[in-house]
Amino acid sequence: MAPVPGCMTTHIPSSALPFPTRKNSIGMEFIEIPAGTFAMGSHETEKARHDEVPKHCVTISRSFYLGKYEVTQAQWDAVMDNNPSLYKDPAHPVENVSWEEAQVFIQRLNKKENTQKYRLPTEAEWEYAARAGTTSLFSFGENKQAIAHSCLQHAKKAEFVTCPAGDKKPNPWGLYDMHGNVWEWVQDWYDPDYYATSPKNDPRGPETGKLHVLRGGGWHSTLSLIRSAVRGNRPPDYRDNRSGFRLVFNAR
C-alpha cells in the first residue's frame, strides 16, 4: 500500500513478542499494546474504500491493554445476568447489543471490579491494534490469507453463525477476530469527514454526532468489509446479530 509521506509505521521486533497480558475476575484477557505510529485509513487505490479518507499519520502516545478476544456471551452474562445473542453459545462473542448497552456493561464491570479503567477503544486505537504493524489490506496479508484466518461464513459457505471467540488465527500482536466474527463498537462518534481534520496524536473522534463507529466486519461480511481500514456506523441504540465489542483496560 502507498505510504503517507513522512509517516513511519512502528514495527515491533519479534523479541518483544508476545506482549504482556492480564486477566480480570470474569476471565477477560487483555494484551498490552505499545505506543506507536501508523498510517490510518486507505489509499485511493484500495478497492471498495468509502469514508476511510484521507489516509493520514496517527500516533498512539501511550500503551493500553486491549481485549485479546471480543467480549463473549459468558462474560456478558456474568456482568449483566442475561444473554441477548441470537446465536447462543457461551464461548461465542456476544452480539445483538447496542453501543448504549455496551456502555451499561462497562459501567457494571467497572463497579464489579472497583475501578473506572474499562472502556471501548477509540477508532484510532482499534485500527492501530488491528493492523499490528502491517500496511496490507488485512493484518494477515492479502485475500487468500484473510479468508483462511477470519470468521467469514459466506466465504466458507457454511451455516450463517458466529465463530467461537479465538477460533481463528490471531494477528501479529496476538489479538483474535479483528477481521470478521462480529462488528465491534468503538467509542467514537462518526463523521465521514473527520479524518481530514483529526489530530495526529491520540484522536478521539468528533465531540458529538448521531452515529457511532463500528470496526472489523462480521461473520456475514465480504472480504472488502473486513479490511483494516473499513468503518461502519450505526445509531447508538442500534443492535443486530452482527454487532458486538471488545474492551480496553487502562493500566495507568
Protein backbone atom coordinates (compact mmCIF):
# COMPACT_ATOMS: atom_id res chain seq x y z
CA MET A 1 0.00 0.00 0.00
CA ALA A 2 1.17 3.54 -0.72
CA PRO A 3 2.79 5.20 2.32
CA VAL A 4 1.84 8.53 3.86
CA PRO A 5 4.78 10.91 3.29
CA GLY A 6 6.79 11.34 6.47
CA CYS A 7 4.82 8.70 8.38
CA MET A 8 6.94 5.85 9.70
CA THR A 9 4.88 2.87 10.85
CA THR A 10 6.09 1.47 14.16
CA HIS A 11 7.47 -2.05 13.74
CA ILE A 12 7.84 -4.26 16.80
CA PRO A 13 10.85 -6.60 16.89
CA SER A 14 9.97 -10.26 17.29
CA SER A 15 11.98 -10.30 20.52
CA ALA A 16 9.30 -8.05 22.09
CA LEU A 17 6.56 -10.64 21.44
CA PRO A 18 4.39 -11.87 22.96
CA PHE A 19 3.25 -8.70 24.68
CA PRO A 20 2.39 -8.72 28.42
CA THR A 21 -1.13 -9.86 29.27
CA ARG A 22 -3.51 -9.59 32.20
CA LYS A 23 -6.80 -11.27 33.18
CA ASN A 24 -9.71 -9.92 35.21
CA SER A 25 -12.16 -11.55 37.63
CA ILE A 26 -14.50 -12.86 34.92
CA GLY A 27 -11.75 -14.27 32.73
CA MET A 28 -11.38 -11.44 30.22
CA GLU A 29 -7.82 -11.39 28.85
CA PHE A 30 -6.07 -8.21 27.77
CA ILE A 31 -2.87 -7.69 25.78
CA GLU A 32 -0.67 -4.63 26.30
CA ILE A 33 -0.45 -2.71 23.04
CA PRO A 34 2.64 -0.48 22.93
CA ALA A 35 2.60 3.15 21.87
CA GLY A 36 3.46 3.80 18.24
CA THR A 37 2.68 5.44 14.91
CA PHE A 38 0.80 4.17 11.85
CA ALA A 39 -0.93 5.31 8.67
CA MET A 40 -4.69 5.29 9.32
CA GLY A 41 -7.25 4.91 6.55
CA SER A 42 -6.94 3.65 2.98
CA HIS A 43 -5.15 4.79 -0.15
CA GLU A 44 -7.05 5.80 -3.30
CA THR A 45 -6.04 2.55 -5.00
CA GLU A 46 -7.70 0.39 -2.31
CA LYS A 47 -10.86 -1.22 -3.68
CA ALA A 48 -14.24 -0.60 -2.01
CA ARG A 49 -12.97 2.37 0.03
CA HIS A 50 -15.60 4.91 1.02
CA ASP A 51 -15.11 7.15 4.05
CA GLU A 52 -11.62 5.99 5.07
CA VAL A 53 -10.03 9.15 3.72
CA PRO A 54 -7.66 10.79 3.65
CA LYS A 55 -5.05 8.29 4.69
CA HIS A 56 -3.19 10.09 7.49
CA CYS A 57 -0.49 9.63 10.09
CA VAL A 58 -1.59 8.88 13.67
CA THR A 59 0.44 8.42 16.84
CA ILE A 60 -0.86 6.49 19.84
CA SER A 61 1.24 8.12 22.53
CA ARG A 62 0.59 5.70 25.42
CA SER A 63 0.34 1.96 25.68
CA PHE A 64 -3.03 0.41 26.53
CA TYR A 65 -4.44 -3.04 27.21
CA LEU A 66 -6.90 -4.30 24.59
CA GLY A 67 -9.13 -7.34 24.85
CA LYS A 68 -7.44 -10.39 23.39
CA TYR A 69 -10.90 -11.55 22.29
CA GLU A 70 -14.28 -9.99 21.63
CA VAL A 71 -16.47 -10.00 24.76
CA THR A 72 -18.10 -13.42 24.97
CA GLN A 73 -21.63 -14.35 25.87
CA ALA A 74 -20.41 -15.97 29.10
CA GLN A 75 -18.64 -12.75 30.12
CA TRP A 76 -21.66 -10.62 29.25
CA ASP A 77 -23.92 -12.92 31.30
CA ALA A 78 -21.52 -12.77 34.28
CA VAL A 79 -21.98 -8.99 34.42
CA MET A 80 -25.48 -8.42 33.02
CA ASP A 81 -27.24 -11.65 34.09
CA ASN A 82 -28.74 -12.18 30.62
CA ASN A 83 -27.74 -13.15 27.09
CA PRO A 84 -29.25 -11.10 24.24
CA SER A 85 -27.43 -13.02 21.48
CA LEU A 86 -29.29 -14.72 18.66
CA TYR A 87 -26.60 -17.39 18.18
CA LYS A 88 -26.42 -18.56 21.77
CA ASP A 89 -23.20 -20.22 22.90
CA PRO A 90 -21.19 -19.09 25.96
CA ALA A 91 -17.91 -19.32 24.03
CA HIS A 92 -19.08 -17.17 21.11
CA PRO A 93 -18.93 -13.36 21.09
CA VAL A 94 -21.96 -11.59 22.48
CA GLU A 95 -24.00 -9.96 19.71
CA ASN A 96 -27.28 -8.16 19.33
CA VAL A 97 -26.03 -5.41 21.65
CA SER A 98 -26.11 -1.67 21.02
CA TRP A 99 -23.43 0.92 21.77
CA GLU A 100 -25.59 2.13 24.66
CA GLU A 101 -25.86 -1.39 26.08
CA ALA A 102 -22.10 -1.81 25.79
CA GLN A 103 -21.76 1.33 27.93
CA VAL A 104 -24.02 -0.21 30.59
CA PHE A 105 -21.86 -3.35 30.58
CA ILE A 106 -18.76 -1.18 31.05
CA GLN A 107 -20.33 0.70 33.95
CA ARG A 108 -21.30 -2.52 35.71
CA LEU A 109 -17.94 -4.17 35.06
CA ASN A 110 -16.13 -1.13 36.46
CA LYS A 111 -18.33 -1.31 39.55
CA LYS A 112 -17.80 -5.06 39.90
CA GLU A 113 -14.02 -4.62 39.69
CA ASN A 114 -13.98 -1.41 41.78
CA THR A 115 -12.30 0.62 39.06
CA GLN A 116 -13.00 3.12 36.28
CA LYS A 117 -10.48 1.73 33.83
CA TYR A 118 -12.63 -0.22 31.39
CA ARG A 119 -13.87 1.46 28.21
CA LEU A 120 -14.35 0.97 24.49
CA PRO A 121 -11.27 1.61 22.33
CA THR A 122 -11.09 4.72 20.22
CA GLU A 123 -11.31 4.23 16.48
CA ALA A 124 -7.61 5.04 16.13
CA GLU A 125 -6.60 2.60 18.88
CA TRP A 126 -8.68 -0.10 17.24
CA GLU A 127 -7.14 0.31 13.78
CA TYR A 128 -3.62 0.60 15.19
CA ALA A 129 -4.09 -2.68 17.07
CA ALA A 130 -5.81 -4.38 14.12
CA ARG A 131 -3.01 -3.51 11.71
CA ALA A 132 -0.39 -4.69 14.22
CA GLY A 133 2.46 -3.05 12.32
CA THR A 134 1.22 -4.15 8.89
CA THR A 135 0.31 -1.92 5.95
CA SER A 136 -1.57 -4.53 3.87
CA LEU A 137 -5.34 -4.78 3.37
CA PHE A 138 -5.56 -7.19 6.31
CA SER A 139 -3.14 -7.95 9.12
CA PHE A 140 -2.70 -11.41 7.55
CA GLY A 141 -1.67 -10.02 4.18
CA GLU A 142 -3.99 -10.23 1.20
CA ASN A 143 -7.20 -12.02 0.25
CA LYS A 144 -6.37 -15.73 0.50
CA GLN A 145 -4.82 -15.38 3.93
CA ALA A 146 -7.77 -13.31 5.17
CA ILE A 147 -10.27 -15.93 4.03
CA ALA A 148 -8.35 -18.66 5.83
CA HIS A 149 -7.91 -16.81 9.12
CA SER A 150 -11.15 -14.85 9.58
CA CYS A 151 -14.65 -15.87 10.68
CA LEU A 152 -16.46 -15.37 7.37
CA GLN A 153 -19.33 -17.75 6.93
CA HIS A 154 -20.08 -16.50 3.42
CA ALA A 155 -16.55 -17.34 2.31
CA LYS A 156 -16.79 -20.80 3.85
CA LYS A 157 -20.33 -21.38 2.53
CA ALA A 158 -21.22 -22.69 5.97
CA GLU A 159 -24.13 -22.08 8.28
CA PHE A 160 -24.59 -18.37 8.98
CA VAL A 161 -23.46 -18.13 12.58
CA THR A 162 -20.67 -16.58 14.64
CA CYS A 163 -17.47 -18.48 15.46
CA PRO A 164 -16.17 -19.25 18.95
CA ALA A 165 -14.00 -16.39 20.23
CA GLY A 166 -10.39 -17.17 19.32
CA ASP A 167 -11.30 -19.96 16.90
CA LYS A 168 -9.18 -18.42 14.12
CA LYS A 169 -5.54 -17.35 13.90
CA PRO A 170 -4.56 -14.21 15.88
CA ASN A 171 -3.00 -11.16 14.24
CA PRO A 172 0.76 -10.50 14.64
CA TRP A 173 0.20 -8.93 18.07
CA GLY A 174 -1.87 -11.81 19.41
CA LEU A 175 -5.37 -10.32 19.03
CA TYR A 176 -8.16 -12.56 17.75
CA ASP A 177 -11.07 -11.78 15.42
CA MET A 178 -10.02 -8.27 14.45
CA HIS A 179 -11.29 -9.27 10.99
CA GLY A 180 -14.76 -10.82 10.89
CA ASN A 181 -16.89 -12.62 13.50
CA VAL A 182 -18.78 -9.55 14.84
CA TRP A 183 -18.56 -5.85 14.06
CA GLU A 184 -17.06 -4.08 17.09
CA TRP A 185 -18.38 -0.87 18.58
CA VAL A 186 -15.75 1.76 19.35
CA GLN A 187 -16.12 4.88 21.45
CA ASP A 188 -16.06 7.50 18.68
CA TRP A 189 -18.93 9.38 17.15
CA TYR A 190 -18.97 9.06 13.36
CA ASP A 191 -18.24 11.84 10.89
CA PRO A 192 -17.35 10.93 7.28
CA ASP A 193 -15.09 14.00 7.05
CA TYR A 194 -13.35 13.66 10.42
CA TYR A 195 -10.11 12.18 9.03
CA ALA A 196 -9.38 15.42 7.18
CA THR A 197 -9.13 17.44 10.41
CA SER A 198 -8.43 14.88 13.16
CA PRO A 199 -5.40 15.50 15.38
CA LYS A 200 -2.28 13.47 14.72
CA ASN A 201 -1.85 12.42 18.34
CA ASP A 202 -4.46 10.24 20.07
CA PRO A 203 -7.57 11.27 18.07
CA ARG A 204 -10.83 10.57 19.86
CA GLY A 205 -13.41 11.36 17.20
CA PRO A 206 -15.92 14.21 16.90
CA GLU A 207 -17.35 15.70 20.10
CA THR A 208 -20.94 14.97 19.07
CA GLY A 209 -22.87 13.08 16.43
CA LYS A 210 -25.84 10.89 15.63
CA LEU A 211 -23.97 7.67 14.76
CA HIS A 212 -21.20 5.67 16.42
CA VAL A 213 -18.41 3.81 14.63
CA LEU A 214 -18.11 0.04 14.33
CA ARG A 215 -14.99 -1.74 13.08
CA GLY A 216 -13.73 -5.06 11.77
CA GLY A 217 -16.64 -6.50 9.81
CA GLY A 218 -18.68 -9.55 10.79
CA TRP A 219 -19.38 -13.18 10.03
CA HIS A 220 -21.69 -12.10 7.20
CA SER A 221 -19.21 -9.72 5.56
CA THR A 222 -17.44 -9.87 2.23
CA LEU A 223 -13.65 -9.50 2.16
CA SER A 224 -13.90 -5.82 1.27
CA LEU A 225 -15.74 -5.19 4.54
CA ILE A 226 -13.16 -6.77 6.84
CA ARG A 227 -10.18 -4.69 5.65
CA SER A 228 -8.24 -2.99 8.45
CA ALA A 229 -9.39 0.44 7.27
CA VAL A 230 -13.14 -0.19 6.97
CA ARG A 231 -15.51 2.00 9.02
CA GLY A 232 -19.11 1.09 9.82
CA ASN A 233 -21.63 3.35 11.53
CA ARG A 234 -24.97 2.97 13.28
CA PRO A 235 -27.12 4.87 15.84
CA PRO A 236 -26.14 4.26 19.48
CA ASP A 237 -29.33 2.29 20.15
CA TYR A 238 -28.94 0.03 17.10
CA ARG A 239 -28.48 -3.69 17.65
CA ASP A 240 -28.37 -6.78 15.45
CA ASN A 241 -26.84 -10.25 15.40
CA ARG A 242 -23.67 -8.94 13.74
CA SER A 243 -22.53 -6.34 16.32
CA GLY A 244 -20.51 -6.83 19.50
CA PHE A 245 -17.41 -5.26 21.07
CA ARG A 246 -14.10 -5.67 22.86
CA LEU A 247 -12.76 -3.54 25.69
CA VAL A 248 -9.73 -1.51 26.68
CA PHE A 249 -8.31 -1.67 30.18
CA ASN A 250 -6.30 1.44 31.08
CA ALA A 251 -3.49 0.20 33.27
CA ARG A 252 -2.45 3.72 34.30
